[in-house]
């Protein structure tokens, strides 16, 4: 059992789709700035759409779970090898030492995901059933649950079986890492932007701005303005990025805490040092939302976020949130008043959030004209999400000479375009 901690391990990090480059930067930064000493020197490479980390101390991998903001999951590779027959699974499971992970007890909530590309070893259902039987014979009775169900997920196991390689991977997170647990109300949100996508959007957008802009947002001299706010994800994630609020400050229900070899003292040290590394600042976030019911839910989320941050923040007034019921396309100035400089985070309705009778290009055209008109009054920069090519082209046509850059990522099966823009500065990449 102790071998998981005594020997170097291999891990797969799954980033937010479309943000592999930024996630890799974050992973490397976390590994290069460990919060305590570790035995091994990790090696990081890109493997397809994931990040493969080898020669890594298990304890150091926990920092990725506790500190990472652009990550969907961190998986420990329990076993990697070949399975060529249906009878070969028992030996493969034996070598994985999966029975050394959880206490032998009934009612283990486990999400099993199996992908088999060569049926000679069995169908996906057969392989899933074989693992359940193997665990049950050892006294671990599996109560399978959906990944995003309300049940407490004690573990998540994934089997990838291709012609020349089979891997059994175990999630350190359990529930996906974008589930931050800082929101009080999610009801009524249609196709919400996942938190790790929002974090990546803000990090990319602020990375195209100069350091003066980031400093003004951190000190509250310029506000972050979030029209079309929904449940508030973009605004909350901007605060977390500015003040270095790690996800583990809000969430504690990680799967690794249920493992038999969970290094409790190490986890406690990491969590304590995360707290000591928070940045000082007083950012201001102004939310706008046209729907009165959604606006009320958003206010509840603001209260919940403030209550959670109050537990680890020395200054109760560290973050200042404002929420207005507002139709941004008709009355944009209501949100920023006499401000001279603002940073917009815009997530207008698209995909499932867009009413069927509404044409997206018309909405984005109106938004582009509003921003172009505002350049006559204020210095503005920020980011907008476009859910299809027509709305994207219409938006770019309407903003005129405002400087802009675009990149793509995938959300809900859609090819989403993130557009960063500014009327007061050039848009260049800064060193991470």
Protein backbone atom coordinates (compact mmCIF):
# COMPACT_ATOMS: atom_id res chain seq x y z
CA UNK A 1 0.00 0.00 0.00
CA UNK A 2 2.84 2.39 0.86
CA UNK A 3 4.30 1.94 -2.66
CA UNK A 4 1.99 4.63 -4.01
CA UNK A 5 3.83 7.16 -1.84
CA UNK A 6 7.33 5.67 -1.92
CA UNK A 7 7.71 5.29 -5.69
CA UNK A 8 7.34 7.81 -8.54
CA UNK A 9 3.98 7.66 -10.30
CA UNK A 10 2.51 8.63 -13.66
CA UNK A 11 -0.49 10.90 -14.05
CA UNK A 12 -2.76 12.15 -16.82
CA UNK A 13 -4.04 15.73 -16.54
CA UNK A 14 -7.16 16.50 -18.55
CA UNK A 15 -7.43 20.23 -19.33
CA UNK A 16 -10.49 22.29 -20.14
CA UNK A 17 -11.16 21.46 -23.85
CA UNK A 18 -9.43 23.94 -26.13
CA UNK A 19 -7.14 25.32 -23.42
CA UNK A 20 -4.33 22.76 -23.50
CA UNK A 21 -1.58 25.39 -23.84
CA UNK A 22 -2.72 27.44 -20.85
CA UNK A 23 -3.34 24.32 -18.77
CA UNK A 24 0.17 23.09 -19.55
CA UNK A 25 1.60 26.44 -18.43
CA UNK A 26 -0.38 26.20 -15.19
CA UNK A 27 0.71 22.59 -14.57
CA UNK A 28 4.37 23.48 -15.13
CA UNK A 29 4.09 26.54 -12.86
CA UNK A 30 2.56 24.46 -10.04
CA UNK A 31 5.19 21.73 -10.39
CA UNK A 32 8.02 24.28 -10.52
CA UNK A 33 6.78 26.12 -7.43
CA UNK A 34 5.98 23.28 -4.99
CA UNK A 35 4.62 24.19 -1.57
CA UNK A 36 6.93 21.67 0.08
CA UNK A 37 9.85 19.39 -0.82
CA UNK A 38 9.28 16.22 -2.83
CA UNK A 39 11.39 13.18 -3.71
CA UNK A 40 11.24 13.22 -7.49
CA UNK A 41 11.58 15.62 -10.43
CA UNK A 42 8.44 15.46 -12.59
CA UNK A 43 8.60 15.31 -16.38
CA UNK A 44 5.78 16.88 -18.42
CA UNK A 45 4.85 16.13 -22.03
CA UNK A 46 1.78 16.65 -24.20
CA UNK A 47 0.02 13.41 -25.14
CA UNK A 48 -2.81 14.04 -27.58
CA UNK A 49 -5.27 16.38 -25.89
CA UNK A 50 -3.97 15.58 -22.40
CA UNK A 51 -0.87 16.29 -20.32
CA UNK A 52 1.23 13.30 -19.23
CA UNK A 53 3.33 13.65 -16.06
CA UNK A 54 5.88 10.98 -15.19
CA UNK A 55 8.41 10.51 -12.36
CA UNK A 56 6.10 12.46 -10.07
CA UNK A 57 5.66 12.17 -6.32
CA UNK A 58 2.04 11.27 -5.56
CA UNK A 59 1.94 14.05 -2.95
CA UNK A 60 3.05 16.63 -5.49
CA UNK A 61 0.29 15.56 -7.87
CA UNK A 62 -2.17 16.46 -5.13
CA UNK A 63 -1.05 20.08 -5.55
CA UNK A 64 -2.39 20.00 -9.11
CA UNK A 65 -5.80 18.99 -7.76
CA UNK A 66 -5.78 21.55 -4.96
CA UNK A 67 -4.24 24.48 -6.87
CA UNK A 68 -5.18 23.97 -10.54
CA UNK A 69 -7.87 26.22 -12.03
CA UNK A 70 -7.81 25.18 -15.72
CA UNK A 71 -7.94 21.43 -15.11
CA UNK A 72 -10.85 19.01 -15.57
CA UNK A 73 -9.23 16.09 -13.75
CA UNK A 74 -5.95 14.54 -12.57
CA UNK A 75 -5.78 10.76 -12.97
CA UNK A 76 -3.28 8.33 -11.47
CA UNK A 77 -2.24 5.63 -13.93
CA UNK A 78 -2.74 2.52 -11.81
CA UNK A 79 -1.69 0.12 -14.56
CA UNK A 80 -0.52 0.33 -18.16
CA UNK A 81 0.09 -2.75 -20.29
CA UNK A 82 -1.56 -5.12 -22.74
CA UNK A 83 -4.76 -7.15 -22.49
CA UNK A 84 -5.21 -9.48 -25.46
CA UNK A 85 -7.99 -11.83 -24.33
CA UNK A 86 -11.13 -11.75 -22.22
CA UNK A 87 -9.35 -13.89 -19.64
CA UNK A 88 -6.53 -11.39 -19.31
CA UNK A 89 -8.48 -8.81 -17.31
CA UNK A 90 -8.10 -10.52 -13.92
CA UNK A 91 -4.30 -10.44 -14.13
CA UNK A 92 -4.42 -6.83 -15.34
CA UNK A 93 -6.56 -5.79 -12.37
CA UNK A 94 -4.24 -7.67 -9.99
CA UNK A 95 -1.21 -5.76 -11.24
CA UNK A 96 -3.04 -2.43 -10.90
CA UNK A 97 -3.30 -2.77 -7.09
CA UNK A 98 -6.74 -1.19 -7.30
CA UNK A 99 -7.76 -3.11 -4.19
CA UNK A 100 -5.22 -1.07 -2.20
CA UNK A 101 -7.14 2.15 -2.87
CA UNK A 102 -10.42 2.00 -0.92
CA UNK A 103 -11.51 0.32 2.31
CA UNK A 104 -13.38 -2.93 1.68
CA UNK A 105 -16.92 -1.85 2.45
CA UNK A 106 -20.36 -1.82 0.92
CA UNK A 107 -21.89 1.11 -0.90
CA UNK A 108 -18.83 2.51 -2.65
CA UNK A 109 -20.13 5.15 -5.09
CA UNK A 110 -17.97 4.63 -8.15
CA UNK A 111 -18.24 6.06 -11.64
CA UNK A 112 -16.83 3.60 -14.17
CA UNK A 113 -15.97 4.70 -17.70
CA UNK A 114 -14.71 2.16 -20.23
CA UNK A 115 -13.56 2.67 -23.82
CA UNK A 116 -12.59 -0.42 -25.82
CA UNK A 117 -11.54 -0.16 -29.47
CA UNK A 118 -10.79 -3.87 -30.10
CA UNK A 119 -13.72 -6.10 -29.06
CA UNK A 120 -11.54 -9.25 -28.89
CA UNK A 121 -11.04 -8.41 -25.18
CA UNK A 122 -14.77 -7.95 -24.65
CA UNK A 123 -17.36 -5.23 -25.10
CA UNK A 124 -17.31 -2.10 -22.97
CA UNK A 125 -20.16 -3.50 -20.87
CA UNK A 126 -18.32 -6.78 -20.38
CA UNK A 127 -15.13 -5.04 -19.25
CA UNK A 128 -17.09 -2.81 -16.85
CA UNK A 129 -18.84 -5.85 -15.40
CA UNK A 130 -15.53 -7.71 -15.00
CA UNK A 131 -14.11 -4.87 -12.90
CA UNK A 132 -17.26 -4.73 -10.75
CA UNK A 133 -17.05 -8.49 -10.14
CA UNK A 134 -13.33 -8.25 -9.32
CA UNK A 135 -13.99 -5.54 -6.75
CA UNK A 136 -17.03 -7.33 -5.32
CA UNK A 137 -15.05 -10.55 -4.78
CA UNK A 138 -12.71 -8.54 -2.55
CA UNK A 139 -15.60 -7.06 -0.58
CA UNK A 140 -15.78 -3.72 -2.42
CA UNK A 141 -19.39 -3.48 -3.55
CA UNK A 142 -19.84 -0.86 -6.26
CA UNK A 143 -22.92 1.34 -6.46
CA UNK A 144 -22.38 2.91 -9.87
CA UNK A 145 -23.43 6.53 -10.24
CA UNK A 146 -23.47 9.08 -13.03
CA UNK A 147 -20.52 11.45 -13.11
CA UNK A 148 -22.59 14.56 -12.49
CA UNK A 149 -25.23 13.05 -10.24
CA UNK A 150 -26.10 14.41 -6.85
CA UNK A 151 -24.66 11.33 -5.15
CA UNK A 152 -21.31 11.60 -3.41
CA UNK A 153 -18.80 10.11 -5.85
CA UNK A 154 -16.18 8.25 -3.82
CA UNK A 155 -14.16 7.38 -6.91
CA UNK A 156 -13.94 7.58 -10.67
CA UNK A 157 -12.16 4.88 -12.66
CA UNK A 158 -11.45 4.92 -16.39
CA UNK A 159 -10.29 2.05 -18.59
CA UNK A 160 -8.85 2.84 -22.01
CA UNK A 161 -8.16 -0.27 -24.09
CA UNK A 162 -6.67 0.02 -27.56
CA UNK A 163 -4.95 -2.57 -29.72
CA UNK A 164 -1.46 -2.20 -28.25
CA UNK A 165 -2.11 -0.60 -24.87
CA UNK A 166 -4.55 -0.78 -22.02
CA UNK A 167 -4.62 1.67 -19.13
CA UNK A 168 -6.54 1.76 -15.87
CA UNK A 169 -6.70 5.28 -14.47
CA UNK A 170 -8.13 6.57 -11.21
CA UNK A 171 -9.35 10.12 -10.65
CA UNK A 172 -7.86 12.02 -7.73
CA UNK A 173 -10.70 14.53 -7.88
CA UNK A 174 -13.82 12.38 -8.03
CA UNK A 175 -16.29 14.95 -9.28
CA UNK A 176 -14.84 17.10 -12.10
CA UNK A 177 -12.60 19.90 -10.90
CA UNK A 178 -14.72 22.61 -12.48
CA UNK A 179 -17.29 21.92 -9.75
CA UNK A 180 -15.94 24.61 -7.41
CA UNK A 181 -18.74 24.53 -4.78
CA UNK A 182 -18.87 28.31 -4.28
CA UNK A 183 -22.35 28.78 -5.81
CA UNK A 184 -25.52 28.57 -3.75
CA UNK A 185 -27.97 28.46 -6.67
CA UNK A 186 -27.62 26.69 -10.01
CA UNK A 187 -31.31 26.24 -10.87
CA UNK A 188 -32.46 28.00 -14.02
CA UNK A 189 -29.02 28.14 -15.61
CA UNK A 190 -29.14 26.92 -19.22
CA UNK A 191 -25.87 25.57 -20.64
CA UNK A 192 -23.73 27.37 -18.04
CA UNK A 193 -20.09 28.07 -18.80
CA UNK A 194 -17.97 25.61 -16.76
CA UNK A 195 -15.72 27.27 -14.20
CA UNK A 196 -12.43 26.03 -15.68
CA UNK A 197 -13.47 27.46 -19.08
CA UNK A 198 -14.29 30.79 -17.43
CA UNK A 199 -10.94 30.79 -15.61
CA UNK A 200 -9.12 30.07 -18.88
CA UNK A 201 -11.02 32.82 -20.73
CA UNK A 202 -10.10 35.41 -18.11
CA UNK A 203 -6.48 34.27 -17.87
CA UNK A 204 -6.10 34.39 -21.65
CA UNK A 205 -7.80 37.78 -21.95
CA UNK A 206 -5.82 39.40 -19.13
CA UNK A 207 -2.66 37.86 -20.57
CA UNK A 208 -3.24 39.86 -23.76
CA UNK A 209 -3.52 43.10 -21.76
CA UNK A 210 -0.69 45.05 -20.22
CA UNK A 211 0.26 44.62 -16.56
CA UNK A 212 -1.15 48.05 -15.74
CA UNK A 213 -4.65 46.80 -16.62
CA UNK A 214 -4.28 43.76 -14.38
CA UNK A 215 -2.99 45.93 -11.54
CA UNK A 216 -5.95 48.31 -11.88
CA UNK A 217 -8.36 45.37 -11.71
CA UNK A 218 -6.56 43.91 -8.70
CA UNK A 219 -6.64 47.20 -6.78
CA UNK A 220 -10.21 48.05 -7.80
CA UNK A 221 -9.20 51.22 -9.68
CA UNK A 222 -11.02 49.73 -12.67
CA UNK A 223 -13.97 47.32 -12.38
CA UNK A 224 -14.64 43.98 -14.01
CA UNK A 225 -18.09 44.33 -15.61
CA UNK A 226 -20.10 41.20 -16.40
CA UNK A 227 -23.29 41.84 -18.40
CA UNK A 228 -25.30 38.68 -19.28
CA UNK A 229 -24.01 37.45 -15.92
CA UNK A 230 -26.16 34.33 -15.47
CA UNK A 231 -25.03 32.54 -12.31
CA UNK A 232 -21.91 34.73 -12.11
CA UNK A 233 -19.22 32.26 -13.20
CA UNK A 234 -17.09 34.70 -15.22
CA UNK A 235 -17.08 37.28 -12.44
CA UNK A 236 -16.28 34.81 -9.67
CA UNK A 237 -13.48 33.20 -11.66
CA UNK A 238 -11.94 36.60 -12.46
CA UNK A 239 -11.73 37.25 -8.72
CA UNK A 240 -10.18 33.85 -8.10
CA UNK A 241 -7.56 34.48 -10.77
CA UNK A 242 -6.73 37.98 -9.53
CA UNK A 243 -6.45 37.02 -5.85
CA UNK A 244 -5.07 33.49 -6.38
CA UNK A 245 -8.07 31.82 -4.77
CA UNK A 246 -7.43 28.11 -5.36
CA UNK A 247 -10.46 25.83 -5.88
CA UNK A 248 -9.58 23.89 -2.71
CA UNK A 249 -10.46 26.96 -0.65
CA UNK A 250 -14.10 26.32 -1.56
CA UNK A 251 -14.27 22.55 -2.00
CA UNK A 252 -13.13 19.64 0.15
CA UNK A 253 -14.93 16.56 -1.25
CA UNK A 254 -12.01 15.20 -3.28
CA UNK A 255 -11.87 11.48 -4.01
CA UNK A 256 -8.23 11.17 -2.90
CA UNK A 257 -9.25 11.99 0.67
CA UNK A 258 -11.04 8.61 0.77
CA UNK A 259 -7.99 6.61 -0.36
CA UNK A 260 -6.32 4.32 2.17
CA UNK A 261 -2.95 5.98 1.53
CA UNK A 262 -4.15 9.60 1.72
CA UNK A 263 -1.25 11.63 3.24
CA UNK A 264 -3.34 13.73 5.63
CA UNK A 265 -0.44 15.81 7.00
CA UNK A 266 0.81 16.65 3.51
CA UNK A 267 -2.65 17.76 2.41
CA UNK A 268 -3.01 19.92 5.51
CA UNK A 269 0.37 21.57 4.83
CA UNK A 270 -0.53 22.28 1.19
CA UNK A 271 -3.90 23.79 2.14
CA UNK A 272 -2.26 25.98 4.79
CA UNK A 273 0.38 27.26 2.36
CA UNK A 274 -2.23 27.96 -0.30
CA UNK A 275 -3.86 30.28 2.22
CA UNK A 276 -0.58 32.07 2.92
CA UNK A 277 -0.06 32.69 -0.81
CA UNK A 278 -3.22 34.71 -1.48
CA UNK A 279 -2.67 38.04 -3.19
CA UNK A 280 -3.67 41.33 -1.60
CA UNK A 281 -6.21 43.36 -3.49
CA UNK A 282 -9.71 44.81 -3.58
CA UNK A 283 -11.17 43.99 -7.00
CA UNK A 284 -14.63 45.25 -7.93
CA UNK A 285 -17.05 43.15 -9.97
CA UNK A 286 -20.25 44.63 -11.41
CA UNK A 287 -22.83 42.08 -12.58
CA UNK A 288 -25.70 42.88 -14.93
CA UNK A 289 -28.57 40.52 -15.72
CA UNK A 290 -31.82 41.22 -17.59
CA UNK A 291 -33.89 38.35 -16.13
CA UNK A 292 -35.23 39.31 -12.66
CA UNK A 293 -35.35 35.68 -11.44
CA UNK A 294 -31.79 35.00 -12.58
CA UNK A 295 -30.77 38.28 -10.98
CA UNK A 296 -32.15 37.11 -7.62
CA UNK A 297 -30.33 33.79 -7.95
CA UNK A 298 -27.14 35.68 -8.77
CA UNK A 299 -27.48 37.78 -5.64
CA UNK A 300 -27.77 34.57 -3.63
CA UNK A 301 -24.59 33.29 -5.27
CA UNK A 302 -22.80 36.53 -4.42
CA UNK A 303 -23.81 36.17 -0.78
CA UNK A 304 -22.64 32.56 -0.77
CA UNK A 305 -19.31 33.44 -2.36
CA UNK A 306 -18.76 36.25 0.14
CA UNK A 307 -19.60 33.97 3.06
CA UNK A 308 -17.12 31.32 1.92
CA UNK A 309 -14.30 33.80 1.27
CA UNK A 310 -14.88 35.45 4.63
CA UNK A 311 -13.70 32.24 6.27
CA UNK A 312 -10.19 32.56 4.86
CA UNK A 313 -9.89 36.27 4.07
CA UNK A 314 -8.51 38.61 6.71
CA UNK A 315 -10.43 41.54 5.21
CA UNK A 316 -14.19 41.05 4.86
CA UNK A 317 -14.31 43.86 2.28
CA UNK A 318 -11.63 42.29 0.11
CA UNK A 319 -13.94 41.86 -2.89
CA UNK A 320 -16.74 44.26 -3.75
CA UNK A 321 -19.63 42.87 -5.77
CA UNK A 322 -22.48 44.87 -7.28
CA UNK A 323 -25.52 43.45 -9.07
CA UNK A 324 -27.98 45.36 -11.29
CA UNK A 325 -31.01 44.18 -13.20
CA UNK A 326 -30.06 45.66 -16.54
CA UNK A 327 -30.59 45.37 -20.29
CA UNK A 328 -27.01 46.03 -21.38
CA UNK A 329 -27.82 46.52 -25.06
CA UNK A 330 -30.29 49.31 -24.25
CA UNK A 331 -28.65 50.93 -21.21
CA UNK A 332 -24.96 49.93 -20.99
CA UNK A 333 -23.84 53.03 -19.09
CA UNK A 334 -25.95 52.10 -16.08
CA UNK A 335 -23.37 49.44 -15.23
CA UNK A 336 -20.26 51.62 -15.27
CA UNK A 337 -21.52 55.12 -14.46
CA UNK A 338 -18.59 57.56 -14.26
CA UNK A 339 -15.84 54.95 -14.62
CA UNK A 340 -13.05 55.96 -16.98
CA UNK A 341 -11.71 52.45 -17.60
CA UNK A 342 -13.54 49.10 -17.53
CA UNK A 343 -12.83 45.45 -18.33
CA UNK A 344 -15.81 43.62 -19.84
CA UNK A 345 -16.45 39.89 -19.60
CA UNK A 346 -19.27 39.20 -22.05
CA UNK A 347 -21.07 35.89 -22.43
CA UNK A 348 -24.21 36.75 -24.47
CA UNK A 349 -26.79 34.01 -25.14
CA UNK A 350 -25.79 31.43 -27.75
CA UNK A 351 -26.50 27.74 -28.34
CA UNK A 352 -29.17 26.48 -25.92
CA UNK A 353 -29.30 29.86 -24.16
CA UNK A 354 -30.44 31.65 -27.30
CA UNK A 355 -34.18 31.95 -27.92
CA UNK A 356 -35.18 30.18 -31.14
CA UNK A 357 -36.79 33.31 -32.55
CA UNK A 358 -33.66 35.38 -32.02
CA UNK A 359 -30.89 35.45 -34.62
CA UNK A 360 -27.49 35.37 -32.97
CA UNK A 361 -25.86 37.60 -35.57
CA UNK A 362 -28.39 40.37 -34.83
CA UNK A 363 -27.67 40.19 -31.11
CA UNK A 364 -23.89 40.21 -31.61
CA UNK A 365 -24.17 43.00 -34.14
CA UNK A 366 -25.98 45.12 -31.56
CA UNK A 367 -23.34 44.28 -28.97
CA UNK A 368 -20.54 45.30 -31.32
CA UNK A 369 -22.22 48.65 -32.04
CA UNK A 370 -22.69 49.30 -28.31
CA UNK A 371 -19.00 48.69 -27.60
CA UNK A 372 -17.95 50.89 -30.53
CA UNK A 373 -20.11 53.72 -29.22
CA UNK A 374 -18.71 53.32 -25.70
CA UNK A 375 -15.16 53.85 -26.97
CA UNK A 376 -16.09 57.52 -27.37
CA UNK A 377 -16.56 57.78 -23.58
CA UNK A 378 -14.31 55.27 -21.82
CA UNK A 379 -11.19 53.15 -22.17
CA UNK A 380 -12.47 49.62 -22.49
CA UNK A 381 -11.03 46.18 -22.94
CA UNK A 382 -12.27 42.69 -22.25
CA UNK A 383 -13.47 39.45 -23.77
CA UNK A 384 -16.61 38.21 -25.52
CA UNK A 385 -17.72 34.66 -26.34
CA UNK A 386 -19.28 33.95 -29.75
CA UNK A 387 -21.07 30.64 -30.30
CA UNK A 388 -20.99 30.48 -34.11
CA UNK A 389 -19.13 31.94 -37.07
CA UNK A 390 -21.94 34.24 -38.26
CA UNK A 391 -22.29 36.00 -34.91
CA UNK A 392 -18.50 36.22 -34.62
CA UNK A 393 -18.13 37.86 -38.05
CA UNK A 394 -21.01 40.24 -37.36
CA UNK A 395 -19.46 41.26 -34.04
CA UNK A 396 -16.04 41.92 -35.60
CA UNK A 397 -17.60 43.95 -38.39
CA UNK A 398 -19.51 46.16 -35.93
CA UNK A 399 -16.65 46.88 -33.49
CA UNK A 400 -14.80 48.59 -36.32
CA UNK A 401 -11.25 49.64 -35.45
CA UNK A 402 -11.21 48.23 -31.90
CA UNK A 403 -8.17 45.96 -31.67
CA UNK A 404 -9.02 42.29 -31.23
CA UNK A 405 -7.72 38.70 -31.26
CA UNK A 406 -9.64 35.41 -31.45
CA UNK A 407 -9.11 31.84 -30.28
CA UNK A 408 -11.34 28.76 -30.27
CA UNK A 409 -12.41 26.29 -27.60
CA UNK A 410 -15.15 23.66 -27.28
CA UNK A 411 -18.14 24.06 -24.97
CA UNK A 412 -21.24 21.87 -25.04
CA UNK A 413 -20.30 20.50 -28.45
CA UNK A 414 -20.02 24.01 -29.92
CA UNK A 415 -16.93 25.60 -31.44
CA UNK A 416 -16.87 28.77 -29.34
CA UNK A 417 -14.79 31.80 -30.30
CA UNK A 418 -13.29 33.87 -27.52
CA UNK A 419 -12.52 37.40 -28.70
CA UNK A 420 -10.33 39.70 -26.63
CA UNK A 421 -10.61 43.40 -27.50
CA UNK A 422 -9.26 46.80 -26.47
CA UNK A 423 -9.52 50.39 -27.67
CA UNK A 424 -6.59 51.66 -25.58
CA UNK A 425 -3.69 49.24 -25.96
CA UNK A 426 -2.06 46.68 -28.21
CA UNK A 427 -2.89 43.03 -27.57
CA UNK A 428 0.29 41.06 -27.02
CA UNK A 429 0.99 37.85 -25.17
CA UNK A 430 2.78 38.30 -21.87
CA UNK A 431 5.19 35.79 -20.43
CA UNK A 432 3.31 33.39 -18.13
